[in-house]
Amino acid sequence: MNTSFIEFLARTGAVKFGDFVLKSGRESPYFISTGDLSAGAVSYELGRHYAQKIKDSFGDQFDAVFGPAYKGIPLAVCASVALAKDFGMNKSWLFDRKEKKTYGDAGAFVGSVDHGARIVMVDDVMTTGETKLEAIAKLQKGLKAEVCGIVIAVDRMERGRRGSAVAEFTEDMGIPVFPITTIADIFEHLKGRDIDGKVYVDNESYESFLAYRKKYGV
């Protein structure tokens, strides 16, 4: 269990507890949003956690870190900076354009990598994997890239068509997904725990999480 990352997410508000409606329409008692971490210090710390997971999962066997627009963009940048600063791994960052550019460099990507590059994708969560599939198709078509794997902050541990959405994605695409932590670990570690004078998960929040997992989880 990565307790330092879990407490970092809680302290910074990247994991929120309450009542949220997800893009899927599901009503969730928590929400993950790394997009709120926009200051320099927290961006670097977030990148350091991603860099550690990338290094542990792929070693030096990749060429660039890709973040799908929009929330994946700062993740790719801060992860590549942390890889260089903390591990001496000088890797490019890369992201895609959602809107086609009609002037100057009309490429579909921002960042410089060679065709056929080995790519590690980063994002905050994976629910259905739909946005990841779109990004992979764009990378393969536009750059003939090899997507080595995906690193996400949190595995929501939700049900897909047959079982775990993350496991299904890996089985269907042949692309492994490496979460830095899981939502079960987050709730288990934070339940009733005082962190800097604040308890983020009380009994009511925990029971709401268990009910949600019973309905949607694996």
C-alpha atoms as a PDB file:
ATOM      1  CA  MET A   1       0.000   0.000   0.000  1.00  0.00           C
ATOM      2  CA  ASN A   2       1.444   3.375  -1.055  1.00  0.00           C
ATOM      3  CA  THR A   3       0.451   5.335   2.053  1.00  0.00           C
ATOM      4  CA  SER A   4       2.528   8.417   1.220  1.00  0.00           C
ATOM      5  CA  PHE A   5       0.711   8.815  -2.099  1.00  0.00           C
ATOM      6  CA  ILE A   6      -2.684   8.216  -0.490  1.00  0.00           C
ATOM      7  CA  GLU A   7      -2.063  10.895   2.135  1.00  0.00           C
ATOM      8  CA  PHE A   8      -0.724  13.237  -0.548  1.00  0.00           C
ATOM      9  CA  LEU A   9      -3.967  12.836  -2.536  1.00  0.00           C
ATOM     10  CA  ALA A  10      -6.037  13.521   0.585  1.00  0.00           C
ATOM     11  CA  ARG A  11      -4.057  16.553   1.782  1.00  0.00           C
ATOM     12  CA  THR A  12      -4.095  18.213  -1.639  1.00  0.00           C
ATOM     13  CA  GLY A  13      -7.765  17.525  -2.339  1.00  0.00           C
ATOM     14  CA  ALA A  14      -6.997  15.390  -5.379  1.00  0.00           C
ATOM     15  CA  VAL A  15      -9.333  12.800  -3.858  1.00  0.00           C
ATOM     16  CA  LYS A  16     -12.630  14.279  -2.720  1.00  0.00           C
ATOM     17  CA  PHE A  17     -15.347  12.694  -0.599  1.00  0.00           C
ATOM     18  CA  GLY A  18     -19.054  13.511  -0.903  1.00  0.00           C
ATOM     19  CA  ASP A  19     -21.668  13.047  -3.626  1.00  0.00           C
ATOM     20  CA  PHE A  20     -20.537  13.212  -7.254  1.00  0.00           C
ATOM     21  CA  VAL A  21     -22.080  12.311 -10.609  1.00  0.00           C
ATOM     22  CA  LEU A  22     -19.489  10.747 -12.910  1.00  0.00           C
ATOM     23  CA  LYS A  23     -19.251  10.997 -16.692  1.00  0.00           C
ATOM     24  CA  SER A  24     -20.707   7.471 -16.782  1.00  0.00           C
ATOM     25  CA  GLY A  25     -23.785   8.726 -14.913  1.00  0.00           C
ATOM     26  CA  ARG A  26     -22.924   6.748 -11.791  1.00  0.00           C
ATOM     27  CA  GLU A  27     -23.399   8.522  -8.447  1.00  0.00           C
ATOM     28  CA  SER A  28     -20.127   8.158  -6.579  1.00  0.00           C
ATOM     29  CA  PRO A  29     -19.160   8.927  -2.949  1.00  0.00           C
ATOM     30  CA  TYR A  30     -15.701  10.037  -4.085  1.00  0.00           C
ATOM     31  CA  PHE A  31     -14.004  11.753  -6.989  1.00  0.00           C
ATOM     32  CA  ILE A  32     -10.410  11.769  -8.210  1.00  0.00           C
ATOM     33  CA  SER A  33      -9.106  14.929  -9.856  1.00  0.00           C
ATOM     34  CA  THR A  34      -5.377  15.466 -10.301  1.00  0.00           C
ATOM     35  CA  GLY A  35      -6.283  18.528 -12.371  1.00  0.00           C
ATOM     36  CA  ASP A  36      -6.645  20.488  -9.133  1.00  0.00           C
ATOM     37  CA  LEU A  37      -2.910  20.128  -8.453  1.00  0.00           C
ATOM     38  CA  SER A  38      -1.681  23.138 -10.396  1.00  0.00           C
ATOM     39  CA  ALA A  39       0.964  24.696  -8.128  1.00  0.00           C
ATOM     40  CA  GLY A  40       4.629  24.007  -8.729  1.00  0.00           C
ATOM     41  CA  ALA A  41       5.440  22.108  -5.534  1.00  0.00           C
ATOM     42  CA  VAL A  42       2.468  19.733  -5.652  1.00  0.00           C
ATOM     43  CA  SER A  43       2.924  19.220  -9.409  1.00  0.00           C
ATOM     44  CA  TYR A  44       6.482  18.099  -8.821  1.00  0.00           C
ATOM     45  CA  GLU A  45       5.470  15.768  -5.983  1.00  0.00           C
ATOM     46  CA  LEU A  46       2.716  14.280  -8.145  1.00  0.00           C
ATOM     47  CA  GLY A  47       5.209  13.822 -10.961  1.00  0.00           C
ATOM     48  CA  ARG A  48       7.632  12.118  -8.580  1.00  0.00           C
ATOM     49  CA  HIS A  49       5.023   9.489  -7.667  1.00  0.00           C
ATOM     50  CA  TYR A  50       4.289   8.878 -11.356  1.00  0.00           C
ATOM     51  CA  ALA A  51       7.994   8.739 -12.183  1.00  0.00           C
ATOM     52  CA  GLN A  52       8.615   6.159  -9.465  1.00  0.00           C
ATOM     53  CA  LYS A  53       5.811   3.954 -10.780  1.00  0.00           C
ATOM     54  CA  ILE A  54       7.015   4.336 -14.365  1.00  0.00           C
ATOM     55  CA  LYS A  55      10.559   3.409 -13.392  1.00  0.00           C
ATOM     56  CA  ASP A  56       9.385   0.410 -11.336  1.00  0.00           C
ATOM     57  CA  SER A  57       7.093  -0.815 -14.129  1.00  0.00           C
ATOM     58  CA  PHE A  58       9.155  -0.141 -17.274  1.00  0.00           C
ATOM     59  CA  GLY A  59      12.714   0.545 -16.209  1.00  0.00           C
ATOM     60  CA  ASP A  60      14.392   2.495 -19.008  1.00  0.00           C
ATOM     61  CA  GLN A  61      12.623   0.605 -21.817  1.00  0.00           C
ATOM     62  CA  PHE A  62      10.557   3.469 -23.255  1.00  0.00           C
ATOM     63  CA  ASP A  63      11.107   6.696 -25.145  1.00  0.00           C
ATOM     64  CA  ALA A  64       8.413   9.155 -24.092  1.00  0.00           C
ATOM     65  CA  VAL A  65       5.606   9.875 -21.652  1.00  0.00           C
ATOM     66  CA  PHE A  66       2.253  10.668 -23.263  1.00  0.00           C
ATOM     67  CA  GLY A  67      -0.677  12.418 -21.581  1.00  0.00           C
ATOM     68  CA  PRO A  68      -4.056  12.541 -23.330  1.00  0.00           C
ATOM     69  CA  ALA A  69      -5.578  16.020 -23.514  1.00  0.00           C
ATOM     70  CA  TYR A  70      -6.505  17.681 -21.352  1.00  0.00           C
ATOM     71  CA  LYS A  71      -5.890  16.393 -17.830  1.00  0.00           C
ATOM     72  CA  GLY A  72      -3.109  14.083 -18.946  1.00  0.00           C
ATOM     73  CA  ILE A  73      -0.997  16.964 -20.289  1.00  0.00           C
ATOM     74  CA  PRO A  74       0.427  18.227 -16.967  1.00  0.00           C
ATOM     75  CA  LEU A  75       0.840  14.624 -15.795  1.00  0.00           C
ATOM     76  CA  ALA A  76       3.111  13.831 -18.747  1.00  0.00           C
ATOM     77  CA  VAL A  77       5.147  16.996 -18.235  1.00  0.00           C
ATOM     78  CA  CYS A  78       5.621  16.680 -14.470  1.00  0.00           C
ATOM     79  CA  ALA A  79       6.382  12.942 -14.757  1.00  0.00           C
ATOM     80  CA  SER A  80       9.067  13.544 -17.395  1.00  0.00           C
ATOM     81  CA  VAL A  81      10.621  16.312 -15.273  1.00  0.00           C
ATOM     82  CA  ALA A  82      10.684  14.017 -12.211  1.00  0.00           C
ATOM     83  CA  LEU A  83      12.153  11.155 -14.238  1.00  0.00           C
ATOM     84  CA  ALA A  84      15.041  13.409 -15.228  1.00  0.00           C
ATOM     85  CA  LYS A  85      15.546  15.044 -11.839  1.00  0.00           C
ATOM     86  CA  ASP A  86      15.148  11.981  -9.588  1.00  0.00           C
ATOM     87  CA  PHE A  87      16.238   9.082 -11.791  1.00  0.00           C
ATOM     88  CA  GLY A  88      18.474  10.575 -14.487  1.00  0.00           C
ATOM     89  CA  MET A  89      16.096   9.394 -17.225  1.00  0.00           C
ATOM     90  CA  ASN A  90      15.801  12.062 -19.917  1.00  0.00           C
ATOM     91  CA  LYS A  91      12.488  11.168 -21.602  1.00  0.00           C
ATOM     92  CA  SER A  92      10.356  13.295 -23.901  1.00  0.00           C
ATOM     93  CA  TRP A  93       6.829  14.329 -23.042  1.00  0.00           C
ATOM     94  CA  LEU A  94       4.007  14.293 -25.571  1.00  0.00           C
ATOM     95  CA  PHE A  95       0.305  15.126 -25.764  1.00  0.00           C
ATOM     96  CA  ASP A  96      -2.386  15.220 -28.406  1.00  0.00           C
ATOM     97  CA  ARG A  97      -4.462  18.077 -29.744  1.00  0.00           C
ATOM     98  CA  LYS A  98      -8.214  17.723 -29.385  1.00  0.00           C
ATOM     99  CA  GLU A  99      -8.875  20.349 -32.052  1.00  0.00           C
ATOM    100  CA  LYS A 100      -7.134  20.171 -35.408  1.00  0.00           C
ATOM    101  CA  LYS A 101      -4.741  23.079 -35.954  1.00  0.00           C
ATOM    102  CA  THR A 102      -5.253  24.936 -39.225  1.00  0.00           C
ATOM    103  CA  TYR A 103      -2.019  26.981 -39.327  1.00  0.00           C
ATOM    104  CA  GLY A 104       1.709  26.549 -38.777  1.00  0.00           C
ATOM    105  CA  ASP A 105       2.532  23.066 -37.512  1.00  0.00           C
ATOM    106  CA  ALA A 106      -0.680  21.166 -38.220  1.00  0.00           C
ATOM    107  CA  GLY A 107       0.416  17.984 -36.465  1.00  0.00           C
ATOM    108  CA  ALA A 108      -1.916  16.071 -34.195  1.00  0.00           C
ATOM    109  CA  PHE A 109       0.621  16.041 -31.330  1.00  0.00           C
ATOM    110  CA  VAL A 110       2.641  18.507 -29.283  1.00  0.00           C
ATOM    111  CA  GLY A 111       6.105  17.253 -28.359  1.00  0.00           C
ATOM    112  CA  SER A 112       8.860  15.671 -30.412  1.00  0.00           C
ATOM    113  CA  VAL A 113       9.228  11.892 -30.725  1.00  0.00           C
ATOM    114  CA  ASP A 114      10.273   9.630 -33.569  1.00  0.00           C
ATOM    115  CA  HIS A 115       7.867   7.396 -35.433  1.00  0.00           C
ATOM    116  CA  GLY A 116       7.812   3.977 -33.836  1.00  0.00           C
ATOM    117  CA  ALA A 117       8.599   5.398 -30.378  1.00  0.00           C
ATOM    118  CA  ARG A 118       7.839   3.361 -27.270  1.00  0.00           C
ATOM    119  CA  ILE A 119       5.248   5.276 -25.263  1.00  0.00           C
ATOM    120  CA  VAL A 120       4.106   5.153 -21.647  1.00  0.00           C
ATOM    121  CA  MET A 121       0.695   6.783 -21.222  1.00  0.00           C
ATOM    122  CA  VAL A 122      -0.260   8.558 -17.990  1.00  0.00           C
ATOM    123  CA  ASP A 123      -3.709   9.554 -16.752  1.00  0.00           C
ATOM    124  CA  ASP A 124      -5.523  10.031 -13.449  1.00  0.00           C
ATOM    125  CA  VAL A 125      -8.035   7.158 -13.450  1.00  0.00           C
ATOM    126  CA  MET A 126      -9.513   4.474 -15.645  1.00  0.00           C
ATOM    127  CA  THR A 127     -13.249   3.818 -15.498  1.00  0.00           C
ATOM    128  CA  THR A 128     -14.240   2.334 -18.856  1.00  0.00           C
ATOM    129  CA  GLY A 129     -10.993   2.885 -20.773  1.00  0.00           C
ATOM    130  CA  GLU A 130     -12.791   4.566 -23.669  1.00  0.00           C
ATOM    131  CA  THR A 131     -10.621   7.704 -23.712  1.00  0.00           C
ATOM    132  CA  LYS A 132      -7.490   5.535 -23.545  1.00  0.00           C
ATOM    133  CA  LEU A 133      -8.607   3.560 -26.597  1.00  0.00           C
ATOM    134  CA  GLU A 134      -9.068   6.761 -28.587  1.00  0.00           C
ATOM    135  CA  ALA A 135      -5.603   7.996 -27.607  1.00  0.00           C
ATOM    136  CA  ILE A 136      -3.951   4.662 -28.418  1.00  0.00           C
ATOM    137  CA  ALA A 137      -5.564   4.610 -31.861  1.00  0.00           C
ATOM    138  CA  LYS A 138      -4.307   8.139 -32.512  1.00  0.00           C
ATOM    139  CA  LEU A 139      -0.763   7.253 -31.414  1.00  0.00           C
ATOM    140  CA  GLN A 140      -0.672   4.111 -33.510  1.00  0.00           C
ATOM    141  CA  LYS A 141      -2.081   5.781 -36.597  1.00  0.00           C
ATOM    142  CA  GLY A 142      -0.201   9.067 -36.391  1.00  0.00           C
ATOM    143  CA  LEU A 143       3.163   7.962 -35.019  1.00  0.00           C
ATOM    144  CA  LYS A 144       3.216   4.177 -35.497  1.00  0.00           C
ATOM    145  CA  ALA A 145       3.962   4.236 -31.774  1.00  0.00           C
ATOM    146  CA  GLU A 146       4.132   1.252 -29.470  1.00  0.00           C
ATOM    147  CA  VAL A 147       2.159   1.872 -26.280  1.00  0.00           C
ATOM    148  CA  CYS A 148       4.094  -0.096 -23.662  1.00  0.00           C
ATOM    149  CA  GLY A 149       1.594   0.468 -20.875  1.00  0.00           C
ATOM    150  CA  ILE A 150      -0.447   2.951 -18.884  1.00  0.00           C
ATOM    151  CA  VAL A 151       0.191   4.402 -15.434  1.00  0.00           C
ATOM    152  CA  ILE A 152      -2.807   5.820 -13.576  1.00  0.00           C
ATOM    153  CA  ALA A 153      -3.033   7.454 -10.168  1.00  0.00           C
ATOM    154  CA  VAL A 154      -5.956   5.395  -8.885  1.00  0.00           C
ATOM    155  CA  ASP A 155      -7.663   2.186  -9.945  1.00  0.00           C
ATOM    156  CA  ARG A 156     -11.345   2.777  -9.168  1.00  0.00           C
ATOM    157  CA  MET A 157     -11.750  -1.016  -9.185  1.00  0.00           C
ATOM    158  CA  GLU A 158     -15.000  -0.811 -11.129  1.00  0.00           C
ATOM    159  CA  ARG A 159     -16.850  -3.420 -13.092  1.00  0.00           C
ATOM    160  CA  GLY A 160     -16.616  -3.524 -16.857  1.00  0.00           C
ATOM    161  CA  ARG A 161     -18.511  -5.841 -19.198  1.00  0.00           C
ATOM    162  CA  ARG A 162     -17.111  -9.094 -17.800  1.00  0.00           C
ATOM    163  CA  GLY A 163     -15.247  -8.165 -14.639  1.00  0.00           C
ATOM    164  CA  SER A 164     -12.619  -5.605 -13.683  1.00  0.00           C
ATOM    165  CA  ALA A 165     -12.538  -2.761 -16.212  1.00  0.00           C
ATOM    166  CA  VAL A 166      -8.744  -2.510 -15.877  1.00  0.00           C
ATOM    167  CA  ALA A 167      -8.243  -6.265 -16.304  1.00  0.00           C
ATOM    168  CA  GLU A 168     -10.578  -6.296 -19.321  1.00  0.00           C
ATOM    169  CA  PHE A 169      -8.659  -3.438 -20.927  1.00  0.00           C
ATOM    170  CA  THR A 170      -5.363  -5.279 -20.493  1.00  0.00           C
ATOM    171  CA  GLU A 171      -6.851  -8.521 -21.819  1.00  0.00           C
ATOM    172  CA  ASP A 172      -8.510  -6.889 -24.826  1.00  0.00           C
ATOM    173  CA  MET A 173      -5.668  -4.546 -25.797  1.00  0.00           C
ATOM    174  CA  GLY A 174      -2.619  -6.434 -24.556  1.00  0.00           C
ATOM    175  CA  ILE A 175      -1.520  -3.232 -22.811  1.00  0.00           C
ATOM    176  CA  PRO A 176      -0.858  -3.428 -19.063  1.00  0.00           C
ATOM    177  CA  VAL A 177      -2.230  -0.824 -16.653  1.00  0.00           C
ATOM    178  CA  PHE A 178      -0.278   0.066 -13.510  1.00  0.00           C
ATOM    179  CA  PRO A 179      -2.109   2.035 -10.795  1.00  0.00           C
ATOM    180  CA  ILE A 180      -0.080   3.897  -8.179  1.00  0.00           C
ATOM    181  CA  THR A 181      -2.819   3.007  -5.689  1.00  0.00           C
ATOM    182  CA  THR A 182      -6.378   1.652  -5.573  1.00  0.00           C
ATOM    183  CA  ILE A 183      -9.567   3.131  -4.220  1.00  0.00           C
ATOM    184  CA  ALA A 184      -9.876   0.255  -1.740  1.00  0.00           C
ATOM    185  CA  ASP A 185      -6.445   1.086  -0.310  1.00  0.00           C
ATOM    186  CA  ILE A 186      -7.376   4.771  -0.111  1.00  0.00           C
ATOM    187  CA  PHE A 187     -10.510   4.137   1.940  1.00  0.00           C
ATOM    188  CA  GLU A 188      -8.882   1.481   4.102  1.00  0.00           C
ATOM    189  CA  HIS A 189      -5.917   3.693   4.949  1.00  0.00           C
ATOM    190  CA  LEU A 190      -7.891   6.906   5.521  1.00  0.00           C
ATOM    191  CA  LYS A 191     -10.817   5.418   7.482  1.00  0.00           C
ATOM    192  CA  GLY A 192     -10.830   7.097  10.886  1.00  0.00           C
ATOM    193  CA  ARG A 193      -7.202   8.190  10.487  1.00  0.00           C
ATOM    194  CA  ASP A 194      -6.207  11.637  11.699  1.00  0.00           C
ATOM    195  CA  ILE A 195      -3.879  13.302   9.193  1.00  0.00           C
ATOM    196  CA  ASP A 196      -2.621  16.726  10.235  1.00  0.00           C
ATOM    197  CA  GLY A 197      -5.673  17.206  12.435  1.00  0.00           C
ATOM    198  CA  LYS A 198      -8.267  16.065   9.880  1.00  0.00           C
ATOM    199  CA  VAL A 199     -10.147  12.803   9.344  1.00  0.00           C
ATOM    200  CA  TYR A 200     -10.998  12.462   5.654  1.00  0.00           C
ATOM    201  CA  VAL A 201     -13.014   9.223   5.807  1.00  0.00           C
ATOM    202  CA  ASP A 202     -15.481   8.790   8.667  1.00  0.00           C
ATOM    203  CA  ASN A 203     -17.770   5.810   9.227  1.00  0.00           C
ATOM    204  CA  GLU A 204     -20.552   7.299   7.085  1.00  0.00           C
ATOM    205  CA  SER A 205     -18.204   7.926   4.166  1.00  0.00           C
ATOM    206  CA  TYR A 206     -16.792   4.435   4.469  1.00  0.00           C
ATOM    207  CA  GLU A 207     -20.250   2.830   4.463  1.00  0.00           C
ATOM    208  CA  SER A 208     -21.177   4.852   1.359  1.00  0.00           C
ATOM    209  CA  PHE A 209     -18.033   3.565  -0.332  1.00  0.00           C
ATOM    210  CA  LEU A 210     -18.872  -0.059   0.551  1.00  0.00           C
ATOM    211  CA  ALA A 211     -22.398   0.382  -0.871  1.00  0.00           C
ATOM    212  CA  TYR A 212     -20.980   1.849  -4.082  1.00  0.00           C
ATOM    213  CA  ARG A 213     -18.473  -0.981  -4.424  1.00  0.00           C
ATOM    214  CA  LYS A 214     -21.195  -3.542  -3.897  1.00  0.00           C
ATOM    215  CA  LYS A 215     -23.137  -2.012  -6.783  1.00  0.00           C
ATOM    216  CA  TYR A 216     -20.335  -1.178  -9.228  1.00  0.00           C
ATOM    217  CA  GLY A 217     -17.086  -2.621  -7.936  1.00  0.00           C
ATOM    218  CA  VAL A 218     -15.075  -5.795  -8.360  1.00  0.00           C
END
